[in-house]
Amino acid sequence: MSASIASDKDGLIRLEGELDFTTGVSLRAELEQAVRAQSGDVTLDFAGVTHTNSVGLSLILVAARSQAEGAGRLRLQNVPTGLQSIARVCELEDWLATLTV
């Protein structure tokens, strides 16, 4: 299993691969650093994610906390249906919807 994060200077951060308990630990610090390196809005793109569980939701929460420390807004795109279902169970569906473009 592998996962990676790629970011550009326009605030787009692409998550790719399998987001699970094995990959999530290493991605957390990398995601925090990528979000803090941006100067404005940040968009997390899940188009390259092949599998996720609650770790995907925890990474969104990490990004939201990191973004709150800076300027701009956090946005999400291509959020997997399974991740939306997990957000519903955790009663975070409405919050997730406010971030999704």
PDB file of N, CA and C in Angstrom:
ATOM      1  N   MET A   1       0.841  -1.174   0.000  1.00  0.00           N
ATOM      2  CA  MET A   1       0.000   0.000   0.000  1.00  0.00           C
ATOM      3  C   MET A   1       0.886   1.237   0.000  1.00  0.00           C
ATOM      4  N   SER A   2       0.464   2.197  -0.797  1.00  0.00           N
ATOM      5  CA  SER A   2       1.222   3.442  -0.813  1.00  0.00           C
ATOM      6  C   SER A   2       0.274   4.608  -1.034  1.00  0.00           C
ATOM      7  N   ALA A   3       0.740   5.755  -0.606  1.00  0.00           N
ATOM      8  CA  ALA A   3      -0.014   6.986  -0.778  1.00  0.00           C
ATOM      9  C   ALA A   3       0.988   8.125  -0.863  1.00  0.00           C
ATOM     10  N   SER A   4       0.573   9.205  -1.486  1.00  0.00           N
ATOM     11  CA  SER A   4       1.465  10.348  -1.606  1.00  0.00           C
ATOM     12  C   SER A   4       0.657  11.634  -1.662  1.00  0.00           C
ATOM     13  N   ILE A   5       1.393  12.725  -1.469  1.00  0.00           N
ATOM     14  CA  ILE A   5       0.818  14.063  -1.550  1.00  0.00           C
ATOM     15  C   ILE A   5       1.681  14.860  -2.514  1.00  0.00           C
ATOM     16  N   ALA A   6       1.036  15.560  -3.419  1.00  0.00           N
ATOM     17  CA  ALA A   6       1.747  16.448  -4.338  1.00  0.00           C
ATOM     18  C   ALA A   6       1.062  17.805  -4.275  1.00  0.00           C
ATOM     19  N   SER A   7       1.842  18.866  -4.144  1.00  0.00           N
ATOM     20  CA  SER A   7       1.239  20.200  -4.058  1.00  0.00           C
ATOM     21  C   SER A   7       1.895  21.134  -5.063  1.00  0.00           C
ATOM     22  N   ASP A   8       1.171  22.181  -5.415  1.00  0.00           N
ATOM     23  CA  ASP A   8       1.732  23.208  -6.282  1.00  0.00           C
ATOM     24  C   ASP A   8       1.611  24.561  -5.596  1.00  0.00           C
ATOM     25  N   LYS A   9       2.110  25.585  -6.211  1.00  0.00           N
ATOM     26  CA  LYS A   9       2.122  26.914  -5.588  1.00  0.00           C
ATOM     27  C   LYS A   9       0.771  27.621  -5.667  1.00  0.00           C
ATOM     28  N   ASP A  10      -0.191  27.020  -6.378  1.00  0.00           N
ATOM     29  CA  ASP A  10      -1.523  27.618  -6.498  1.00  0.00           C
ATOM     30  C   ASP A  10      -2.493  27.105  -5.442  1.00  0.00           C
ATOM     31  N   GLY A  11      -1.997  26.369  -4.457  1.00  0.00           N
ATOM     32  CA  GLY A  11      -2.841  25.904  -3.364  1.00  0.00           C
ATOM     33  C   GLY A  11      -3.508  24.565  -3.585  1.00  0.00           C
ATOM     34  N   LEU A  12      -3.189  23.878  -4.689  1.00  0.00           N
ATOM     35  CA  LEU A  12      -3.777  22.565  -4.948  1.00  0.00           C
ATOM     36  C   LEU A  12      -2.887  21.486  -4.347  1.00  0.00           C
ATOM     37  N   ILE A  13      -3.481  20.650  -3.498  1.00  0.00           N
ATOM     38  CA  ILE A  13      -2.772  19.525  -2.894  1.00  0.00           C
ATOM     39  C   ILE A  13      -3.507  18.260  -3.314  1.00  0.00           C
ATOM     40  N   ARG A  14      -2.807  17.408  -4.058  1.00  0.00           N
ATOM     41  CA  ARG A  14      -3.399  16.178  -4.560  1.00  0.00           C
ATOM     42  C   ARG A  14      -3.003  15.008  -3.668  1.00  0.00           C
ATOM     43  N   LEU A  15      -4.018  14.313  -3.162  1.00  0.00           N
ATOM     44  CA  LEU A  15      -3.801  13.086  -2.383  1.00  0.00           C
ATOM     45  C   LEU A  15      -3.973  11.918  -3.344  1.00  0.00           C
ATOM     46  N   GLU A  16      -3.046  10.971  -3.278  1.00  0.00           N
ATOM     47  CA  GLU A  16      -3.091   9.853  -4.210  1.00  0.00           C
ATOM     48  C   GLU A  16      -2.810   8.547  -3.492  1.00  0.00           C
ATOM     49  N   GLY A  17      -3.408   7.477  -4.003  1.00  0.00           N
ATOM     50  CA  GLY A  17      -3.155   6.145  -3.466  1.00  0.00           C
ATOM     51  C   GLY A  17      -4.176   5.729  -2.425  1.00  0.00           C
ATOM     52  N   GLU A  18      -3.725   4.903  -1.499  1.00  0.00           N
ATOM     53  CA  GLU A  18      -4.590   4.331  -0.474  1.00  0.00           C
ATOM     54  C   GLU A  18      -4.388   5.054   0.850  1.00  0.00           C
ATOM     55  N   LEU A  19      -5.432   5.697   1.326  1.00  0.00           N
ATOM     56  CA  LEU A  19      -5.389   6.405   2.606  1.00  0.00           C
ATOM     57  C   LEU A  19      -5.949   5.473   3.664  1.00  0.00           C
ATOM     58  N   ASP A  20      -5.059   4.886   4.449  1.00  0.00           N
ATOM     59  CA  ASP A  20      -5.486   3.964   5.488  1.00  0.00           C
ATOM     60  C   ASP A  20      -4.574   4.117   6.704  1.00  0.00           C
ATOM     61  N   PHE A  21      -4.729   3.224   7.647  1.00  0.00           N
ATOM     62  CA  PHE A  21      -3.977   3.351   8.903  1.00  0.00           C
ATOM     63  C   PHE A  21      -2.473   3.185   8.702  1.00  0.00           C
ATOM     64  N   THR A  22      -2.082   2.475   7.681  1.00  0.00           N
ATOM     65  CA  THR A  22      -0.661   2.298   7.390  1.00  0.00           C
ATOM     66  C   THR A  22      -0.050   3.558   6.793  1.00  0.00           C
ATOM     67  N   THR A  23      -0.719   4.153   5.828  1.00  0.00           N
ATOM     68  CA  THR A  23      -0.168   5.327   5.134  1.00  0.00           C
ATOM     69  C   THR A  23      -0.492   6.639   5.823  1.00  0.00           C
ATOM     70  N   GLY A  24      -1.546   6.662   6.607  1.00  0.00           N
ATOM     71  CA  GLY A  24      -2.017   7.908   7.217  1.00  0.00           C
ATOM     72  C   GLY A  24      -1.020   8.569   8.147  1.00  0.00           C
ATOM     73  N   VAL A  25      -0.275   7.791   8.890  1.00  0.00           N
ATOM     74  CA  VAL A  25       0.686   8.340   9.846  1.00  0.00           C
ATOM     75  C   VAL A  25       1.741   9.165   9.125  1.00  0.00           C
ATOM     76  N   SER A  26       2.298   8.620   8.043  1.00  0.00           N
ATOM     77  CA  SER A  26       3.339   9.347   7.330  1.00  0.00           C
ATOM     78  C   SER A  26       2.781  10.540   6.551  1.00  0.00           C
ATOM     79  N   LEU A  27       1.537  10.429   6.096  1.00  0.00           N
ATOM     80  CA  LEU A  27       0.940  11.532   5.326  1.00  0.00           C
ATOM     81  C   LEU A  27       0.562  12.716   6.202  1.00  0.00           C
ATOM     82  N   ARG A  28       0.275  12.476   7.438  1.00  0.00           N
ATOM     83  CA  ARG A  28      -0.191  13.547   8.330  1.00  0.00           C
ATOM     84  C   ARG A  28       0.788  14.715   8.395  1.00  0.00           C
ATOM     85  N   ALA A  29       2.030  14.441   8.726  1.00  0.00           N
ATOM     86  CA  ALA A  29       3.033  15.510   8.831  1.00  0.00           C
ATOM     87  C   ALA A  29       3.279  16.158   7.476  1.00  0.00           C
ATOM     88  N   GLU A  30       3.301  15.352   6.437  1.00  0.00           N
ATOM     89  CA  GLU A  30       3.526  15.883   5.092  1.00  0.00           C
ATOM     90  C   GLU A  30       2.378  16.805   4.680  1.00  0.00           C
ATOM     91  N   LEU A  31       1.149  16.430   5.021  1.00  0.00           N
ATOM     92  CA  LEU A  31      -0.008  17.253   4.686  1.00  0.00           C
ATOM     93  C   LEU A  31       0.007  18.562   5.477  1.00  0.00           C
ATOM     94  N   GLU A  32       0.307  18.480   6.766  1.00  0.00           N
ATOM     95  CA  GLU A  32       0.399  19.702   7.578  1.00  0.00           C
ATOM     96  C   GLU A  32       1.412  20.672   6.975  1.00  0.00           C
ATOM     97  N   GLN A  33       2.548  20.172   6.588  1.00  0.00           N
ATOM     98  CA  GLN A  33       3.592  21.014   6.010  1.00  0.00           C
ATOM     99  C   GLN A  33       3.145  21.599   4.672  1.00  0.00           C
ATOM    100  N   ALA A  34       2.496  20.793   3.835  1.00  0.00           N
ATOM    101  CA  ALA A  34       2.030  21.273   2.530  1.00  0.00           C
ATOM    102  C   ALA A  34       0.977  22.372   2.679  1.00  0.00           C
ATOM    103  N   VAL A  35       0.070  22.212   3.637  1.00  0.00           N
ATOM    104  CA  VAL A  35      -0.968  23.223   3.862  1.00  0.00           C
ATOM    105  C   VAL A  35      -0.345  24.515   4.386  1.00  0.00           C
ATOM    106  N   ARG A  36       0.544  24.407   5.344  1.00  0.00           N
ATOM    107  CA  ARG A  36       1.176  25.599   5.927  1.00  0.00           C
ATOM    108  C   ARG A  36       2.066  26.334   4.935  1.00  0.00           C
ATOM    109  N   ALA A  37       2.549  25.638   3.912  1.00  0.00           N
ATOM    110  CA  ALA A  37       3.418  26.256   2.905  1.00  0.00           C
ATOM    111  C   ALA A  37       2.632  27.143   1.943  1.00  0.00           C
ATOM    112  N   GLN A  38       1.317  27.005   1.934  1.00  0.00           N
ATOM    113  CA  GLN A  38       0.479  27.804   1.037  1.00  0.00           C
ATOM    114  C   GLN A  38       0.145  29.144   1.682  1.00  0.00           C
ATOM    115  N   SER A  39       0.004  30.166   0.860  1.00  0.00           N
ATOM    116  CA  SER A  39      -0.259  31.500   1.406  1.00  0.00           C
ATOM    117  C   SER A  39      -1.731  31.907   1.320  1.00  0.00           C
ATOM    118  N   GLY A  40      -2.542  31.160   0.618  1.00  0.00           N
ATOM    119  CA  GLY A  40      -3.956  31.516   0.474  1.00  0.00           C
ATOM    120  C   GLY A  40      -4.832  30.290   0.617  1.00  0.00           C
ATOM    121  N   ASP A  41      -5.861  30.226  -0.227  1.00  0.00           N
ATOM    122  CA  ASP A  41      -6.770  29.085  -0.205  1.00  0.00           C
ATOM    123  C   ASP A  41      -6.028  27.791  -0.539  1.00  0.00           C
ATOM    124  N   VAL A  42      -6.493  26.712   0.050  1.00  0.00           N
ATOM    125  CA  VAL A  42      -5.932  25.385  -0.198  1.00  0.00           C
ATOM    126  C   VAL A  42      -7.071  24.481  -0.658  1.00  0.00           C
ATOM    127  N   THR A  43      -6.821  23.731  -1.726  1.00  0.00           N
ATOM    128  CA  THR A  43      -7.790  22.753  -2.211  1.00  0.00           C
ATOM    129  C   THR A  43      -7.177  21.369  -2.126  1.00  0.00           C
ATOM    130  N   LEU A  44      -7.847  20.476  -1.397  1.00  0.00           N
ATOM    131  CA  LEU A  44      -7.439  19.074  -1.351  1.00  0.00           C
ATOM    132  C   LEU A  44      -8.196  18.331  -2.443  1.00  0.00           C
ATOM    133  N   ASP A  45      -7.462  17.691  -3.332  1.00  0.00           N
ATOM    134  CA  ASP A  45      -8.062  16.952  -4.437  1.00  0.00           C
ATOM    135  C   ASP A  45      -7.892  15.456  -4.185  1.00  0.00           C
ATOM    136  N   PHE A  46      -9.005  14.747  -4.108  1.00  0.00           N
ATOM    137  CA  PHE A  46      -9.004  13.319  -3.828  1.00  0.00           C
ATOM    138  C   PHE A  46      -9.139  12.472  -5.091  1.00  0.00           C
ATOM    139  N   ALA A  47      -8.992  13.060  -6.270  1.00  0.00           N
ATOM    140  CA  ALA A  47      -9.204  12.323  -7.522  1.00  0.00           C
ATOM    141  C   ALA A  47      -8.290  11.109  -7.644  1.00  0.00           C
ATOM    142  N   GLY A  48      -7.085  11.175  -7.099  1.00  0.00           N
ATOM    143  CA  GLY A  48      -6.140  10.073  -7.203  1.00  0.00           C
ATOM    144  C   GLY A  48      -6.216   9.059  -6.081  1.00  0.00           C
ATOM    145  N   VAL A  49      -7.181   9.211  -5.195  1.00  0.00           N
ATOM    146  CA  VAL A  49      -7.321   8.284  -4.072  1.00  0.00           C
ATOM    147  C   VAL A  49      -8.050   7.032  -4.548  1.00  0.00           C
ATOM    148  N   THR A  50      -7.413   5.891  -4.345  1.00  0.00           N
ATOM    149  CA  THR A  50      -8.002   4.623  -4.777  1.00  0.00           C
ATOM    150  C   THR A  50      -8.773   3.913  -3.673  1.00  0.00           C
ATOM    151  N   HIS A  51      -8.459   4.252  -2.423  1.00  0.00           N
ATOM    152  CA  HIS A  51      -9.139   3.646  -1.266  1.00  0.00           C
ATOM    153  C   HIS A  51      -8.950   4.583  -0.076  1.00  0.00           C
ATOM    154  N   THR A  52      -9.998   4.703   0.720  1.00  0.00           N
ATOM    155  CA  THR A  52      -9.869   5.465   1.960  1.00  0.00           C
ATOM    156  C   THR A  52     -10.833   4.914   3.000  1.00  0.00           C
ATOM    157  N   ASN A  53     -10.506   5.184   4.238  1.00  0.00           N
ATOM    158  CA  ASN A  53     -11.388   4.867   5.354  1.00  0.00           C
ATOM    159  C   ASN A  53     -11.435   6.118   6.229  1.00  0.00           C
ATOM    160  N   SER A  54     -11.632   5.972   7.503  1.00  0.00           N
ATOM    161  CA  SER A  54     -11.729   7.151   8.372  1.00  0.00           C
ATOM    162  C   SER A  54     -10.437   7.966   8.401  1.00  0.00           C
ATOM    163  N   VAL A  55      -9.341   7.387   7.973  1.00  0.00           N
ATOM    164  CA  VAL A  55      -8.078   8.131   7.898  1.00  0.00           C
ATOM    165  C   VAL A  55      -8.224   9.307   6.933  1.00  0.00           C
ATOM    166  N   GLY A  56      -8.954   9.130   5.866  1.00  0.00           N
ATOM    167  CA  GLY A  56      -9.185  10.232   4.927  1.00  0.00           C
ATOM    168  C   GLY A  56      -9.865  11.404   5.607  1.00  0.00           C
ATOM    169  N   LEU A  57     -10.851  11.109   6.439  1.00  0.00           N
ATOM    170  CA  LEU A  57     -11.539  12.165   7.179  1.00  0.00           C
ATOM    171  C   LEU A  57     -10.599  12.817   8.185  1.00  0.00           C
ATOM    172  N   SER A  58      -9.777  12.027   8.842  1.00  0.00           N
ATOM    173  CA  SER A  58      -8.831  12.604   9.805  1.00  0.00           C
ATOM    174  C   SER A  58      -7.826  13.504   9.103  1.00  0.00           C
ATOM    175  N   LEU A  59      -7.431  13.174   7.889  1.00  0.00           N
ATOM    176  CA  LEU A  59      -6.515  14.037   7.147  1.00  0.00           C
ATOM    177  C   LEU A  59      -7.181  15.359   6.762  1.00  0.00           C
ATOM    178  N   ILE A  60      -8.464  15.317   6.469  1.00  0.00           N
ATOM    179  CA  ILE A  60      -9.189  16.571   6.202  1.00  0.00           C
ATOM    180  C   ILE A  60      -9.200  17.436   7.460  1.00  0.00           C
ATOM    181  N   LEU A  61      -9.429  16.823   8.603  1.00  0.00           N
ATOM    182  CA  LEU A  61      -9.425  17.576   9.867  1.00  0.00           C
ATOM    183  C   LEU A  61      -8.043  18.161  10.158  1.00  0.00           C
ATOM    184  N   VAL A  62      -6.991  17.416   9.865  1.00  0.00           N
ATOM    185  CA  VAL A  62      -5.623  17.917  10.029  1.00  0.00           C
ATOM    186  C   VAL A  62      -5.404  19.130   9.119  1.00  0.00           C
ATOM    187  N   ALA A  63      -5.831  19.015   7.876  1.00  0.00           N
ATOM    188  CA  ALA A  63      -5.675  20.124   6.930  1.00  0.00           C
ATOM    189  C   ALA A  63      -6.476  21.338   7.371  1.00  0.00           C
ATOM    190  N   ALA A  64      -7.681  21.118   7.869  1.00  0.00           N
ATOM    191  CA  ALA A  64      -8.520  22.235   8.328  1.00  0.00           C
ATOM    192  C   ALA A  64      -7.865  22.957   9.495  1.00  0.00           C
ATOM    193  N   ARG A  65      -7.309  22.212  10.425  1.00  0.00           N
ATOM    194  CA  ARG A  65      -6.633  22.826  11.561  1.00  0.00           C
ATOM    195  C   ARG A  65      -5.395  23.601  11.098  1.00  0.00           C
ATOM    196  N   SER A  66      -4.627  23.017  10.209  1.00  0.00           N
ATOM    197  CA  SER A  66      -3.433  23.689   9.691  1.00  0.00           C
ATOM    198  C   SER A  66      -3.799  24.941   8.900  1.00  0.00           C
ATOM    199  N   GLN A  67      -4.874  24.870   8.140  1.00  0.00           N
ATOM    200  CA  GLN A  67      -5.308  26.029   7.345  1.00  0.00           C
ATOM    201  C   GLN A  67      -5.836  27.127   8.247  1.00  0.00           C
ATOM    202  N   ALA A  68      -6.463  26.775   9.342  1.00  0.00           N
ATOM    203  CA  ALA A  68      -7.005  27.778  10.269  1.00  0.00           C
ATOM    204  C   ALA A  68      -5.898  28.638  10.867  1.00  0.00           C
ATOM    205  N   GLU A  69      -4.682  28.120  10.897  1.00  0.00           N
ATOM    206  CA  GLU A  69      -3.550  28.869  11.435  1.00  0.00           C
ATOM    207  C   GLU A  69      -3.022  29.900  10.448  1.00  0.00           C
ATOM    208  N   GLY A  70      -3.426  29.811   9.190  1.00  0.00           N
ATOM    209  CA  GLY A  70      -2.948  30.726   8.154  1.00  0.00           C
ATOM    210  C   GLY A  70      -4.093  31.524   7.564  1.00  0.00           C
ATOM    211  N   ALA A  71      -3.846  32.042   6.375  1.00  0.00           N
ATOM    212  CA  ALA A  71      -4.868  32.817   5.668  1.00  0.00           C
ATOM    213  C   ALA A  71      -5.535  31.913   4.632  1.00  0.00           C
ATOM    214  N   GLY A  72      -6.727  32.264   4.241  1.00  0.00           N
ATOM    215  CA  GLY A  72      -7.400  31.512   3.195  1.00  0.00           C
ATOM    216  C   GLY A  72      -8.355  30.468   3.745  1.00  0.00           C
ATOM    217  N   ARG A  73      -8.957  29.763   2.782  1.00  0.00           N
ATOM    218  CA  ARG A  73      -9.956  28.747   3.114  1.00  0.00           C
ATOM    219  C   ARG A  73      -9.501  27.376   2.646  1.00  0.00           C
ATOM    220  N   LEU A  74     -10.031  26.366   3.276  1.00  0.00           N
ATOM    221  CA  LEU A  74      -9.817  24.998   2.837  1.00  0.00           C
ATOM    222  C   LEU A  74     -10.993  24.594   1.967  1.00  0.00           C
ATOM    223  N   ARG A  75     -10.675  23.969   0.842  1.00  0.00           N
ATOM    224  CA  ARG A  75     -11.703  23.463  -0.063  1.00  0.00           C
ATOM    225  C   ARG A  75     -11.357  22.016  -0.416  1.00  0.00           C
ATOM    226  N   LEU A  76     -12.387  21.258  -0.784  1.00  0.00           N
ATOM    227  CA  LEU A  76     -12.214  19.860  -1.149  1.00  0.00           C
ATOM    228  C   LEU A  76     -12.815  19.618  -2.517  1.00  0.00           C
ATOM    229  N   GLN A  77     -12.178  18.741  -3.289  1.00  0.00           N
ATOM    230  CA  GLN A  77     -12.785  18.340  -4.554  1.00  0.00           C
ATOM    231  C   GLN A  77     -12.561  16.858  -4.785  1.00  0.00           C
ATOM    232  N   ASN A  78     -13.483  16.265  -5.524  1.00  0.00           N
ATOM    233  CA  ASN A  78     -13.442  14.835  -5.843  1.00  0.00           C
ATOM    234  C   ASN A  78     -13.430  13.969  -4.581  1.00  0.00           C
ATOM    235  N   VAL A  79     -14.251  14.340  -3.604  1.00  0.00           N
ATOM    236  CA  VAL A  79     -14.324  13.581  -2.353  1.00  0.00           C
ATOM    237  C   VAL A  79     -15.006  12.238  -2.634  1.00  0.00           C
ATOM    238  N   PRO A  80     -14.347  11.125  -2.301  1.00  0.00           N
ATOM    239  CA  PRO A  80     -14.937   9.807  -2.546  1.00  0.00           C
ATOM    240  C   PRO A  80     -16.265   9.630  -1.794  1.00  0.00           C
ATOM    241  N   THR A  81     -17.179   8.907  -2.411  1.00  0.00           N
ATOM    242  CA  THR A  81     -18.483   8.649  -1.806  1.00  0.00           C
ATOM    243  C   THR A  81     -18.346   7.967  -0.449  1.00  0.00           C
ATOM    244  N   GLY A  82     -17.428   7.039  -0.342  1.00  0.00           N
ATOM    245  CA  GLY A  82     -17.228   6.342   0.933  1.00  0.00           C
ATOM    246  C   GLY A  82     -16.808   7.284   2.043  1.00  0.00           C
ATOM    247  N   LEU A  83     -16.010   8.281   1.704  1.00  0.00           N
ATOM    248  CA  LEU A  83     -15.576   9.263   2.696  1.00  0.00           C
ATOM    249  C   LEU A  83     -16.752  10.135   3.132  1.00  0.00           C
ATOM    250  N   GLN A  84     -17.632  10.438   2.210  1.00  0.00           N
ATOM    251  CA  GLN A  84     -18.837  11.195   2.550  1.00  0.00           C
ATOM    252  C   GLN A  84     -19.714  10.391   3.504  1.00  0.00           C
ATOM    253  N   SER A  85     -19.780   9.085   3.292  1.00  0.00           N
ATOM    254  CA  SER A  85     -20.567   8.216   4.182  1.00  0.00           C
ATOM    255  C   SER A  85     -19.975   8.191   5.585  1.00  0.00           C
ATOM    256  N   ILE A  86     -18.655   8.143   5.675  1.00  0.00           N
ATOM    257  CA  ILE A  86     -17.994   8.165   6.983  1.00  0.00           C
ATOM    258  C   ILE A  86     -18.281   9.487   7.684  1.00  0.00           C
ATOM    259  N   ALA A  87     -18.249  10.577   6.935  1.00  0.00           N
ATOM    260  CA  ALA A  87     -18.551  11.891   7.509  1.00  0.00           C
ATOM    261  C   ALA A  87     -19.987  11.924   8.046  1.00  0.00           C
ATOM    262  N   ARG A  88     -20.895  11.272   7.350  1.00  0.00           N
ATOM    263  CA  ARG A  88     -22.289  11.222   7.801  1.00  0.00           C
ATOM    264  C   ARG A  88     -22.394  10.501   9.136  1.00  0.00           C
ATOM    265  N   VAL A  89     -21.725   9.371   9.261  1.00  0.00           N
ATOM    266  CA  VAL A  89     -21.738   8.598  10.506  1.00  0.00           C
ATOM    267  C   VAL A  89     -21.147   9.413  11.658  1.00  0.00           C
ATOM    268  N   CYS A  90     -20.134  10.214  11.367  1.00  0.00           N
ATOM    269  CA  CYS A  90     -19.456  11.031  12.387  1.00  0.00           C
ATOM    270  C   CYS A  90     -20.149  12.377  12.609  1.00  0.00           C
ATOM    271  N   GLU A  91     -21.288  12.560  11.948  1.00  0.00           N
ATOM    272  CA  GLU A  91     -22.052  13.800  12.017  1.00  0.00           C
ATOM    273  C   GLU A  91     -21.237  15.006  11.556  1.00  0.00           C
ATOM    274  N   LEU A  92     -20.408  14.782  10.533  1.00  0.00           N
ATOM    275  CA  LEU A  92     -19.611  15.846   9.934  1.00  0.00           C
ATOM    276  C   LEU A  92     -19.996  16.088   8.478  1.00  0.00           C
ATOM    277  N   GLU A  93     -21.092  15.491   8.043  1.00  0.00           N
ATOM    278  CA  GLU A  93     -21.519  15.598   6.658  1.00  0.00           C
ATOM    279  C   GLU A  93     -21.792  17.039   6.245  1.00  0.00           C
ATOM    280  N   ASP A  94     -22.485  17.800   7.066  1.00  0.00           N
ATOM    281  CA  ASP A  94     -22.789  19.202   6.730  1.00  0.00           C
ATOM    282  C   ASP A  94     -21.515  20.038   6.646  1.00  0.00           C
ATOM    283  N   TRP A  95     -20.605  19.819   7.588  1.00  0.00           N
ATOM    284  CA  TRP A  95     -19.333  20.543   7.555  1.00  0.00           C
ATOM    285  C   TRP A  95     -18.548  20.197   6.301  1.00  0.00           C
ATOM    286  N   LEU A  96     -18.492  18.926   5.979  1.00  0.00           N
ATOM    287  CA  LEU A  96     -17.787  18.480   4.783  1.00  0.00           C
ATOM    288  C   LEU A  96     -18.398  19.117   3.524  1.00  0.00           C
ATOM    289  N   ALA A  97     -19.694  19.206   3.489  1.00  0.00           N
ATOM    290  CA  ALA A  97     -20.379  19.808   2.341  1.00  0.00           C
ATOM    291  C   ALA A  97     -20.020  21.282   2.174  1.00  0.00           C
ATOM    292  N   THR A  98     -19.793  21.986   3.265  1.00  0.00           N
ATOM    293  CA  THR A  98     -19.436  23.413   3.143  1.00  0.00           C
ATOM    294  C   THR A  98     -18.043  23.599   2.558  1.00  0.00           C
ATOM    295  N   LEU A  99     -17.198  22.578   2.610  1.00  0.00           N
ATOM    296  CA  LEU A  99     -15.846  22.657   2.072  1.00  0.00           C
ATOM    297  C   LEU A  99     -15.740  22.179   0.646  1.00  0.00           C
ATOM    298  N   THR A 100     -16.713  21.409   0.192  1.00  0.00           N
ATOM    299  CA  THR A 100     -16.636  20.746  -1.112  1.00  0.00           C
ATOM    300  C   THR A 100     -17.049  21.693  -2.231  1.00  0.00           C
ATOM    301  N   VAL A 101     -16.173  21.734  -3.264  1.00  0.00           N
ATOM    302  CA  VAL A 101     -16.462  22.566  -4.447  1.00  0.00           C
ATOM    303  C   VAL A 101     -16.904  21.709  -5.599  1.00  0.00           C
TER     304      VAL A 101
END
